[in-house]
């Protein structure tokens, strides 16, 4: 049991609690309370179960050989511990999530720098109410009118009336 106690991972409840949304706070508190109760029950158990007093049972049970048979079967009983097959998958998912998060952070930094440059250009341009059409077309080339495609804009040609 001591090997299991050592293998248990400690949960950082403060960091976990910071990430819990307000509408799920009650569920988080219930989980923490239940986990604390189970942990305290587990730590209160002894490392080894108490040894059985086979001599006492030999004195109390009249049928000869019955206690010896039970003792032999009890000592032969080995309860296998379950094999941990999920830790590797969880660690792989954790590494993948970490890699994905780093890529996202890098992409976000690139977007932030692009937006900061765009913001600096907006701050340095002529105020909109003081712009001429040429200033507007220079600052925002997508607003420039295509006179070849639309020669009569904003009016319609006479033949379309």
N, C-alpha and C. Protein backbone atom coordinates (compact mmCIF):
# COMPACT_ATOMS: atom_id res chain seq x y z
N UNK A 1 0.82 -1.18 0.00
CA UNK A 1 0.00 0.00 0.00
C UNK A 1 0.86 1.25 0.00
N UNK A 2 2.05 1.17 0.61
CA UNK A 2 2.91 2.35 0.65
C UNK A 2 3.36 2.73 -0.74
N UNK A 3 3.55 1.73 -1.62
CA UNK A 3 3.95 2.07 -2.98
C UNK A 3 2.82 2.80 -3.69
N UNK A 4 1.59 2.45 -3.38
CA UNK A 4 0.46 3.15 -3.98
C UNK A 4 0.36 4.56 -3.45
N UNK A 5 0.65 4.74 -2.18
CA UNK A 5 0.57 6.07 -1.60
C UNK A 5 1.62 6.99 -2.21
N UNK A 6 2.79 6.44 -2.45
CA UNK A 6 3.85 7.24 -3.05
C UNK A 6 3.50 7.58 -4.49
N UNK A 7 2.85 6.64 -5.18
CA UNK A 7 2.55 6.84 -6.59
C UNK A 7 1.40 7.81 -6.83
N UNK A 8 0.62 8.11 -5.79
CA UNK A 8 -0.50 9.03 -5.98
C UNK A 8 0.03 10.42 -6.31
N UNK A 9 -0.59 11.05 -7.28
CA UNK A 9 -0.16 12.40 -7.66
C UNK A 9 -0.87 13.42 -6.78
N UNK A 10 -0.14 14.42 -6.40
CA UNK A 10 -0.73 15.50 -5.61
C UNK A 10 -1.42 16.47 -6.56
N UNK A 11 -2.58 16.93 -6.16
CA UNK A 11 -3.35 17.87 -6.97
C UNK A 11 -3.12 19.27 -6.41
N UNK A 12 -2.78 20.20 -7.28
CA UNK A 12 -2.63 21.59 -6.88
C UNK A 12 -4.02 22.23 -6.91
N UNK A 13 -4.68 22.20 -5.75
CA UNK A 13 -6.07 22.64 -5.68
C UNK A 13 -6.22 24.13 -5.93
N UNK A 14 -5.20 24.93 -5.56
CA UNK A 14 -5.29 26.37 -5.79
C UNK A 14 -5.29 26.68 -7.29
N UNK A 15 -4.36 26.05 -8.02
CA UNK A 15 -4.30 26.27 -9.46
C UNK A 15 -5.55 25.73 -10.14
N UNK A 16 -6.03 24.59 -9.66
CA UNK A 16 -7.24 23.98 -10.21
C UNK A 16 -8.44 24.89 -9.96
N UNK A 17 -8.52 25.45 -8.74
CA UNK A 17 -9.64 26.30 -8.38
C UNK A 17 -9.67 27.61 -9.16
N UNK A 18 -8.50 28.11 -9.57
CA UNK A 18 -8.46 29.35 -10.35
C UNK A 18 -9.07 29.16 -11.73
N UNK A 19 -9.03 27.94 -12.24
CA UNK A 19 -9.52 27.68 -13.60
C UNK A 19 -10.99 27.25 -13.64
N UNK A 20 -11.61 27.12 -12.47
CA UNK A 20 -13.00 26.67 -12.41
C UNK A 20 -13.92 27.87 -12.64
N UNK A 21 -14.86 27.76 -13.60
CA UNK A 21 -15.80 28.87 -13.82
C UNK A 21 -16.72 29.04 -12.62
N UNK A 22 -17.24 30.23 -12.42
CA UNK A 22 -18.11 30.47 -11.24
C UNK A 22 -19.35 29.59 -11.20
N UNK A 23 -19.89 29.23 -12.37
CA UNK A 23 -21.11 28.42 -12.36
C UNK A 23 -20.82 26.96 -12.00
N UNK A 24 -19.55 26.56 -11.95
CA UNK A 24 -19.20 25.18 -11.59
C UNK A 24 -18.48 25.12 -10.24
N UNK A 25 -18.51 26.19 -9.50
CA UNK A 25 -17.80 26.25 -8.21
C UNK A 25 -18.36 25.23 -7.21
N UNK A 26 -19.67 25.01 -7.20
CA UNK A 26 -20.27 24.05 -6.26
C UNK A 26 -19.80 22.63 -6.57
N UNK A 27 -19.73 22.29 -7.85
CA UNK A 27 -19.24 20.95 -8.22
C UNK A 27 -17.77 20.79 -7.84
N UNK A 28 -16.99 21.85 -8.03
CA UNK A 28 -15.57 21.80 -7.66
C UNK A 28 -15.42 21.59 -6.15
N UNK A 29 -16.21 22.32 -5.35
CA UNK A 29 -16.13 22.16 -3.90
C UNK A 29 -16.54 20.76 -3.47
N UNK A 30 -17.56 20.20 -4.12
CA UNK A 30 -17.98 18.83 -3.80
C UNK A 30 -16.87 17.83 -4.15
N UNK A 31 -16.23 18.03 -5.29
CA UNK A 31 -15.11 17.15 -5.68
C UNK A 31 -13.97 17.24 -4.68
N UNK A 32 -13.61 18.45 -4.28
CA UNK A 32 -12.51 18.62 -3.33
C UNK A 32 -12.85 17.99 -1.98
N UNK A 33 -14.08 18.18 -1.51
CA UNK A 33 -14.50 17.60 -0.24
C UNK A 33 -14.44 16.08 -0.29
N UNK A 34 -14.95 15.51 -1.37
CA UNK A 34 -14.95 14.05 -1.52
C UNK A 34 -13.51 13.52 -1.62
N UNK A 35 -12.67 14.20 -2.36
CA UNK A 35 -11.27 13.78 -2.49
C UNK A 35 -10.55 13.86 -1.15
N UNK A 36 -10.78 14.93 -0.40
CA UNK A 36 -10.14 15.05 0.92
C UNK A 36 -10.61 13.95 1.86
N UNK A 37 -11.90 13.61 1.81
CA UNK A 37 -12.43 12.54 2.66
C UNK A 37 -11.80 11.19 2.30
N UNK A 38 -11.71 10.91 1.01
CA UNK A 38 -11.10 9.64 0.58
C UNK A 38 -9.61 9.58 0.91
N UNK A 39 -8.93 10.70 0.75
CA UNK A 39 -7.50 10.74 1.06
C UNK A 39 -7.27 10.53 2.55
N UNK A 40 -8.09 11.16 3.39
CA UNK A 40 -7.92 10.98 4.84
C UNK A 40 -8.23 9.54 5.25
N UNK A 41 -9.25 8.93 4.62
CA UNK A 41 -9.55 7.52 4.92
C UNK A 41 -8.40 6.62 4.48
N UNK A 42 -7.81 6.91 3.35
CA UNK A 42 -6.70 6.09 2.85
C UNK A 42 -5.47 6.22 3.75
N UNK A 43 -5.17 7.44 4.19
CA UNK A 43 -4.01 7.61 5.05
C UNK A 43 -4.22 7.05 6.44
N UNK A 44 -5.47 6.90 6.87
CA UNK A 44 -5.72 6.34 8.20
C UNK A 44 -5.54 4.82 8.24
N UNK A 45 -5.54 4.18 7.07
CA UNK A 45 -5.35 2.73 7.02
C UNK A 45 -3.89 2.37 7.28
N UNK A 46 -3.66 1.22 7.94
CA UNK A 46 -2.27 0.81 8.18
C UNK A 46 -1.63 0.34 6.87
N UNK A 47 -0.30 0.30 6.88
CA UNK A 47 0.44 -0.15 5.70
C UNK A 47 0.10 -1.60 5.36
N UNK A 48 0.08 -2.44 6.37
CA UNK A 48 -0.25 -3.86 6.20
C UNK A 48 -1.51 -4.17 6.99
N UNK A 49 -2.37 -5.06 6.47
CA UNK A 49 -3.55 -5.42 7.26
C UNK A 49 -3.12 -6.16 8.54
N UNK A 50 -3.94 -6.10 9.57
CA UNK A 50 -3.55 -6.79 10.81
C UNK A 50 -3.42 -8.29 10.58
N UNK A 51 -2.44 -8.87 11.24
CA UNK A 51 -2.20 -10.31 11.08
C UNK A 51 -3.29 -11.10 11.81
N UNK A 52 -3.67 -12.21 11.21
CA UNK A 52 -4.69 -13.06 11.82
C UNK A 52 -4.04 -13.96 12.87
N UNK A 53 -4.74 -14.14 13.98
CA UNK A 53 -4.26 -15.03 15.05
C UNK A 53 -4.82 -16.42 14.78
N UNK A 54 -4.05 -17.21 14.04
CA UNK A 54 -4.52 -18.55 13.64
C UNK A 54 -4.64 -19.48 14.84
N UNK A 55 -3.80 -19.27 15.85
CA UNK A 55 -3.88 -20.12 17.05
C UNK A 55 -5.22 -19.95 17.77
N UNK A 56 -5.72 -18.75 17.82
CA UNK A 56 -7.02 -18.50 18.43
C UNK A 56 -8.11 -19.29 17.70
N UNK A 57 -8.07 -19.27 16.38
CA UNK A 57 -9.08 -19.99 15.60
C UNK A 57 -8.93 -21.51 15.75
N UNK A 58 -7.67 -21.98 15.91
CA UNK A 58 -7.46 -23.42 16.12
C UNK A 58 -8.09 -23.88 17.44
N UNK A 59 -8.03 -23.01 18.45
CA UNK A 59 -8.62 -23.36 19.74
C UNK A 59 -10.15 -23.32 19.68
N UNK A 60 -10.71 -22.35 18.91
CA UNK A 60 -12.14 -22.14 18.92
C UNK A 60 -12.90 -23.09 17.97
N UNK A 61 -12.27 -23.49 16.87
CA UNK A 61 -12.96 -24.34 15.89
C UNK A 61 -12.63 -25.79 16.19
N UNK A 62 -13.65 -26.56 16.26
CA UNK A 62 -13.51 -27.95 16.69
C UNK A 62 -13.03 -28.86 15.56
N UNK A 63 -13.46 -28.63 14.35
CA UNK A 63 -13.14 -29.51 13.23
C UNK A 63 -11.64 -29.45 12.95
N UNK A 64 -10.96 -30.60 13.01
CA UNK A 64 -9.50 -30.60 12.81
C UNK A 64 -9.15 -30.33 11.34
N UNK A 65 -8.08 -29.59 11.10
CA UNK A 65 -7.57 -29.32 9.76
C UNK A 65 -8.26 -28.18 9.04
N UNK A 66 -9.38 -27.75 9.51
CA UNK A 66 -10.12 -26.68 8.83
C UNK A 66 -9.36 -25.36 8.88
N UNK A 67 -8.83 -25.00 10.04
CA UNK A 67 -8.09 -23.74 10.19
C UNK A 67 -6.80 -23.81 9.40
N UNK A 68 -6.12 -24.99 9.40
CA UNK A 68 -4.88 -25.13 8.64
C UNK A 68 -5.14 -24.96 7.14
N UNK A 69 -6.26 -25.49 6.68
CA UNK A 69 -6.62 -25.35 5.27
C UNK A 69 -6.89 -23.89 4.92
N UNK A 70 -7.64 -23.20 5.80
CA UNK A 70 -7.92 -21.78 5.57
C UNK A 70 -6.63 -20.96 5.59
N UNK A 71 -5.74 -21.29 6.54
CA UNK A 71 -4.49 -20.55 6.64
C UNK A 71 -3.65 -20.74 5.38
N UNK A 72 -3.59 -21.97 4.88
CA UNK A 72 -2.82 -22.25 3.67
C UNK A 72 -3.42 -21.48 2.48
N UNK A 73 -4.74 -21.49 2.35
CA UNK A 73 -5.39 -20.78 1.25
C UNK A 73 -5.22 -19.26 1.40
N UNK A 74 -5.30 -18.77 2.63
CA UNK A 74 -5.16 -17.34 2.86
C UNK A 74 -3.75 -16.87 2.48
N UNK A 75 -2.74 -17.65 2.88
CA UNK A 75 -1.36 -17.27 2.57
C UNK A 75 -1.06 -17.41 1.08
N UNK A 76 -1.75 -18.32 0.40
CA UNK A 76 -1.52 -18.50 -1.03
C UNK A 76 -2.24 -17.45 -1.86
N UNK A 77 -3.20 -16.79 -1.26
CA UNK A 77 -3.99 -15.80 -2.00
C UNK A 77 -3.15 -14.57 -2.30
N UNK A 78 -3.04 -14.25 -3.56
CA UNK A 78 -2.33 -13.03 -4.00
C UNK A 78 -3.30 -12.26 -4.90
N UNK A 79 -3.64 -11.10 -4.49
CA UNK A 79 -4.56 -10.27 -5.27
C UNK A 79 -3.71 -9.41 -6.20
N UNK A 80 -3.89 -9.60 -7.49
CA UNK A 80 -3.06 -8.82 -8.42
C UNK A 80 -3.52 -7.36 -8.46
N UNK A 81 -2.55 -6.48 -8.55
CA UNK A 81 -2.87 -5.07 -8.70
C UNK A 81 -3.11 -4.80 -10.17
N UNK A 82 -4.03 -3.94 -10.47
CA UNK A 82 -4.30 -3.65 -11.89
C UNK A 82 -3.08 -3.03 -12.57
N UNK A 83 -2.92 -3.37 -13.83
CA UNK A 83 -1.80 -2.84 -14.60
C UNK A 83 -2.16 -1.46 -15.11
N UNK A 84 -1.26 -0.55 -14.94
CA UNK A 84 -1.49 0.82 -15.37
C UNK A 84 -1.20 0.92 -16.87
N UNK A 85 -2.27 1.02 -17.65
CA UNK A 85 -2.11 1.11 -19.10
C UNK A 85 -2.41 2.51 -19.63
N UNK A 86 -2.89 3.39 -18.81
CA UNK A 86 -3.34 4.69 -19.28
C UNK A 86 -2.34 5.81 -19.08
N UNK A 87 -1.35 5.61 -18.21
CA UNK A 87 -0.41 6.70 -17.92
C UNK A 87 0.35 7.13 -19.17
N UNK A 88 0.77 6.17 -19.99
CA UNK A 88 1.51 6.51 -21.20
C UNK A 88 0.63 7.33 -22.15
N UNK A 89 -0.63 6.95 -22.29
CA UNK A 89 -1.54 7.69 -23.16
C UNK A 89 -1.76 9.10 -22.63
N UNK A 90 -1.92 9.20 -21.32
CA UNK A 90 -2.15 10.52 -20.71
C UNK A 90 -0.92 11.40 -20.89
N UNK A 91 0.27 10.82 -20.69
CA UNK A 91 1.49 11.60 -20.88
C UNK A 91 1.65 12.04 -22.33
N UNK A 92 1.29 11.15 -23.28
CA UNK A 92 1.37 11.51 -24.69
C UNK A 92 0.39 12.65 -25.01
N UNK A 93 -0.82 12.57 -24.45
CA UNK A 93 -1.79 13.64 -24.66
C UNK A 93 -1.31 14.95 -24.04
N UNK A 94 -0.67 14.83 -22.89
CA UNK A 94 -0.16 16.03 -22.22
C UNK A 94 0.92 16.69 -23.06
N UNK A 95 1.83 15.88 -23.63
CA UNK A 95 2.88 16.43 -24.48
C UNK A 95 2.29 17.06 -25.74
N UNK A 96 1.29 16.40 -26.31
CA UNK A 96 0.64 16.94 -27.51
C UNK A 96 -0.06 18.26 -27.20
N UNK A 97 -0.75 18.31 -26.06
CA UNK A 97 -1.43 19.54 -25.66
C UNK A 97 -0.42 20.66 -25.39
N UNK A 98 0.70 20.30 -24.79
CA UNK A 98 1.74 21.31 -24.51
C UNK A 98 2.30 21.86 -25.81
N UNK A 99 2.54 20.96 -26.77
CA UNK A 99 3.06 21.38 -28.07
C UNK A 99 2.05 22.28 -28.78
N UNK A 100 0.78 21.88 -28.73
CA UNK A 100 -0.28 22.66 -29.36
C UNK A 100 -0.39 24.04 -28.70
N UNK A 101 -0.28 24.09 -27.38
CA UNK A 101 -0.36 25.36 -26.67
C UNK A 101 0.82 26.27 -27.03
N UNK A 102 2.00 25.69 -27.16
CA UNK A 102 3.17 26.49 -27.54
C UNK A 102 3.02 27.04 -28.95
N UNK A 103 2.50 26.22 -29.87
CA UNK A 103 2.26 26.69 -31.23
C UNK A 103 1.23 27.82 -31.23
N UNK A 104 0.18 27.66 -30.43
CA UNK A 104 -0.85 28.69 -30.35
C UNK A 104 -0.27 29.98 -29.78
N UNK A 105 0.56 29.87 -28.75
CA UNK A 105 1.18 31.07 -28.17
C UNK A 105 2.08 31.77 -29.19
N UNK A 106 2.83 30.98 -29.95
CA UNK A 106 3.71 31.57 -30.97
C UNK A 106 2.88 32.28 -32.04
N UNK A 107 1.81 31.64 -32.51
CA UNK A 107 0.93 32.26 -33.51
C UNK A 107 0.27 33.51 -32.93
N UNK A 108 -0.10 33.47 -31.66
CA UNK A 108 -0.71 34.64 -31.03
C UNK A 108 0.27 35.79 -30.94
N UNK A 109 1.53 35.49 -30.62
CA UNK A 109 2.55 36.54 -30.57
C UNK A 109 2.74 37.18 -31.93
N UNK A 110 2.72 36.36 -32.99
CA UNK A 110 2.84 36.90 -34.34
C UNK A 110 1.65 37.79 -34.68
N UNK A 111 0.43 37.33 -34.32
CA UNK A 111 -0.76 38.14 -34.58
C UNK A 111 -0.70 39.45 -33.79
N UNK A 112 -0.24 39.38 -32.56
CA UNK A 112 -0.15 40.59 -31.72
C UNK A 112 0.81 41.59 -32.34
N UNK A 113 1.96 41.10 -32.82
CA UNK A 113 2.92 42.04 -33.42
C UNK A 113 2.34 42.65 -34.70
N UNK A 114 1.61 41.84 -35.49
CA UNK A 114 0.97 42.36 -36.71
C UNK A 114 -0.07 43.43 -36.35
N UNK A 115 -0.86 43.15 -35.33
CA UNK A 115 -1.90 44.10 -34.93
C UNK A 115 -1.30 45.36 -34.31
N UNK A 116 -0.18 45.22 -33.61
CA UNK A 116 0.47 46.40 -33.05
C UNK A 116 1.00 47.31 -34.16
N UNK A 117 1.55 46.71 -35.22
CA UNK A 117 2.02 47.51 -36.36
C UNK A 117 0.83 48.21 -37.02
N UNK A 118 -0.27 47.49 -37.18
CA UNK A 118 -1.46 48.07 -37.78
C UNK A 118 -2.00 49.20 -36.91
N UNK A 119 -1.99 49.01 -35.60
CA UNK A 119 -2.45 50.04 -34.68
C UNK A 119 -1.55 51.27 -34.75
N UNK A 120 -0.24 51.04 -34.86
CA UNK A 120 0.69 52.17 -34.97
C UNK A 120 0.43 52.95 -36.26
N UNK A 121 0.12 52.22 -37.34
CA UNK A 121 -0.17 52.94 -38.59
C UNK A 121 -1.47 53.73 -38.46
N UNK A 122 -2.46 53.19 -37.75
CA UNK A 122 -3.72 53.92 -37.55
C UNK A 122 -3.49 55.17 -36.69
N UNK A 123 -2.64 55.04 -35.69
CA UNK A 123 -2.38 56.19 -34.82
C UNK A 123 -1.60 57.28 -35.55
N UNK A 124 -0.77 56.89 -36.51
CA UNK A 124 0.07 57.87 -37.21
C UNK A 124 -0.62 58.48 -38.43
N UNK A 125 -1.76 57.97 -38.85
CA UNK A 125 -2.41 58.51 -40.05
C UNK A 125 -3.16 59.81 -39.73
N UNK A 126 -3.49 60.49 -40.78
CA UNK A 126 -4.23 61.75 -40.67
C UNK A 126 -5.62 61.44 -40.10
N UNK A 127 -6.14 62.25 -39.19
CA UNK A 127 -7.49 62.00 -38.68
C UNK A 127 -8.50 61.94 -39.83
N UNK A 128 -9.49 61.09 -39.67
CA UNK A 128 -10.44 60.84 -40.74
C UNK A 128 -11.17 62.08 -41.21
N UNK A 129 -11.53 62.95 -40.26
CA UNK A 129 -12.28 64.16 -40.65
C UNK A 129 -11.41 65.17 -41.39
N UNK A 130 -10.09 64.99 -41.41
CA UNK A 130 -9.19 65.89 -42.12
C UNK A 130 -8.63 65.26 -43.40
N UNK A 131 -9.04 64.03 -43.71
CA UNK A 131 -8.52 63.32 -44.88
C UNK A 131 -9.12 63.84 -46.17
N UNK A 132 -8.29 63.80 -47.18
CA UNK A 132 -8.80 64.03 -48.53
C UNK A 132 -9.03 62.65 -49.15
N UNK A 133 -9.62 62.62 -50.33
CA UNK A 133 -9.86 61.35 -51.02
C UNK A 133 -8.53 60.66 -51.31
N UNK A 134 -7.52 61.43 -51.68
CA UNK A 134 -6.20 60.84 -51.95
C UNK A 134 -5.60 60.22 -50.69
N UNK A 135 -5.76 60.91 -49.55
CA UNK A 135 -5.27 60.35 -48.27
C UNK A 135 -6.01 59.06 -47.93
N UNK A 136 -7.31 59.06 -48.16
CA UNK A 136 -8.11 57.87 -47.88
C UNK A 136 -7.68 56.70 -48.77
N UNK A 137 -7.48 56.98 -50.05
CA UNK A 137 -7.05 55.92 -50.97
C UNK A 137 -5.66 55.41 -50.63
N UNK A 138 -4.81 56.28 -50.13
CA UNK A 138 -3.46 55.86 -49.76
C UNK A 138 -3.50 55.03 -48.48
N UNK A 139 -4.30 55.42 -47.50
CA UNK A 139 -4.39 54.70 -46.23
C UNK A 139 -5.14 53.38 -46.38
N UNK A 140 -6.20 53.40 -47.18
CA UNK A 140 -7.03 52.21 -47.39
C UNK A 140 -7.17 51.98 -48.89
N UNK A 141 -6.24 51.27 -49.51
CA UNK A 141 -6.28 51.09 -50.97
C UNK A 141 -7.52 50.34 -51.45
N UNK A 142 -8.15 49.55 -50.60
CA UNK A 142 -9.34 48.81 -51.02
C UNK A 142 -10.54 49.71 -51.26
N UNK A 143 -10.47 50.95 -50.79
CA UNK A 143 -11.60 51.87 -50.99
C UNK A 143 -11.48 52.67 -52.28
N UNK A 144 -10.36 52.57 -52.97
CA UNK A 144 -10.15 53.34 -54.21
C UNK A 144 -11.13 52.86 -55.27
N UNK A 145 -11.73 53.80 -55.97
CA UNK A 145 -12.71 53.48 -57.00
C UNK A 145 -12.01 53.00 -58.27
N UNK A 146 -12.57 51.98 -58.86
CA UNK A 146 -12.06 51.45 -60.12
C UNK A 146 -12.82 52.14 -61.25
N UNK A 147 -12.24 53.18 -61.80
CA UNK A 147 -12.93 53.97 -62.81
C UNK A 147 -13.05 53.24 -64.14
N UNK A 148 -12.19 52.25 -64.39
CA UNK A 148 -12.31 51.47 -65.62
C UNK A 148 -13.51 50.54 -65.54
N UNK A 149 -13.71 49.94 -64.39
CA UNK A 149 -14.82 49.01 -64.23
C UNK A 149 -16.14 49.75 -64.00
N UNK A 150 -16.08 50.82 -63.24
CA UNK A 150 -17.27 51.61 -62.93
C UNK A 150 -17.02 53.08 -63.32
N UNK A 151 -17.09 53.43 -64.58
CA UNK A 151 -16.72 54.80 -64.98
C UNK A 151 -17.74 55.86 -64.56
N UNK A 152 -18.97 55.47 -64.33
CA UNK A 152 -20.00 56.46 -64.00
C UNK A 152 -20.35 56.47 -62.52
N UNK A 153 -19.60 55.78 -61.69
CA UNK A 153 -19.95 55.69 -60.27
C UNK A 153 -19.94 57.08 -59.67
N UNK A 154 -20.84 57.43 -58.84
CA UNK A 154 -21.97 56.76 -58.24
C UNK A 154 -23.24 56.84 -59.08
N UNK A 155 -23.13 57.36 -60.31
CA UNK A 155 -24.30 57.48 -61.15
C UNK A 155 -24.38 56.30 -62.12
N UNK A 156 -25.56 56.01 -62.59
CA UNK A 156 -25.74 54.97 -63.58
C UNK A 156 -25.65 55.59 -64.96
N UNK A 157 -25.14 54.83 -65.91
CA UNK A 157 -25.12 55.36 -67.29
C UNK A 157 -26.54 55.62 -67.78
N UNK A 158 -26.67 56.52 -68.74
CA UNK A 158 -27.97 56.93 -69.25
C UNK A 158 -28.71 55.74 -69.85
N UNK A 159 -28.00 54.84 -70.52
CA UNK A 159 -28.67 53.73 -71.17
C UNK A 159 -29.22 52.71 -70.18
N UNK A 160 -28.83 52.76 -68.90
CA UNK A 160 -29.33 51.84 -67.89
C UNK A 160 -30.53 52.42 -67.15
N UNK A 161 -30.88 53.64 -67.39
CA UNK A 161 -32.00 54.25 -66.69
C UNK A 161 -33.29 53.75 -67.16
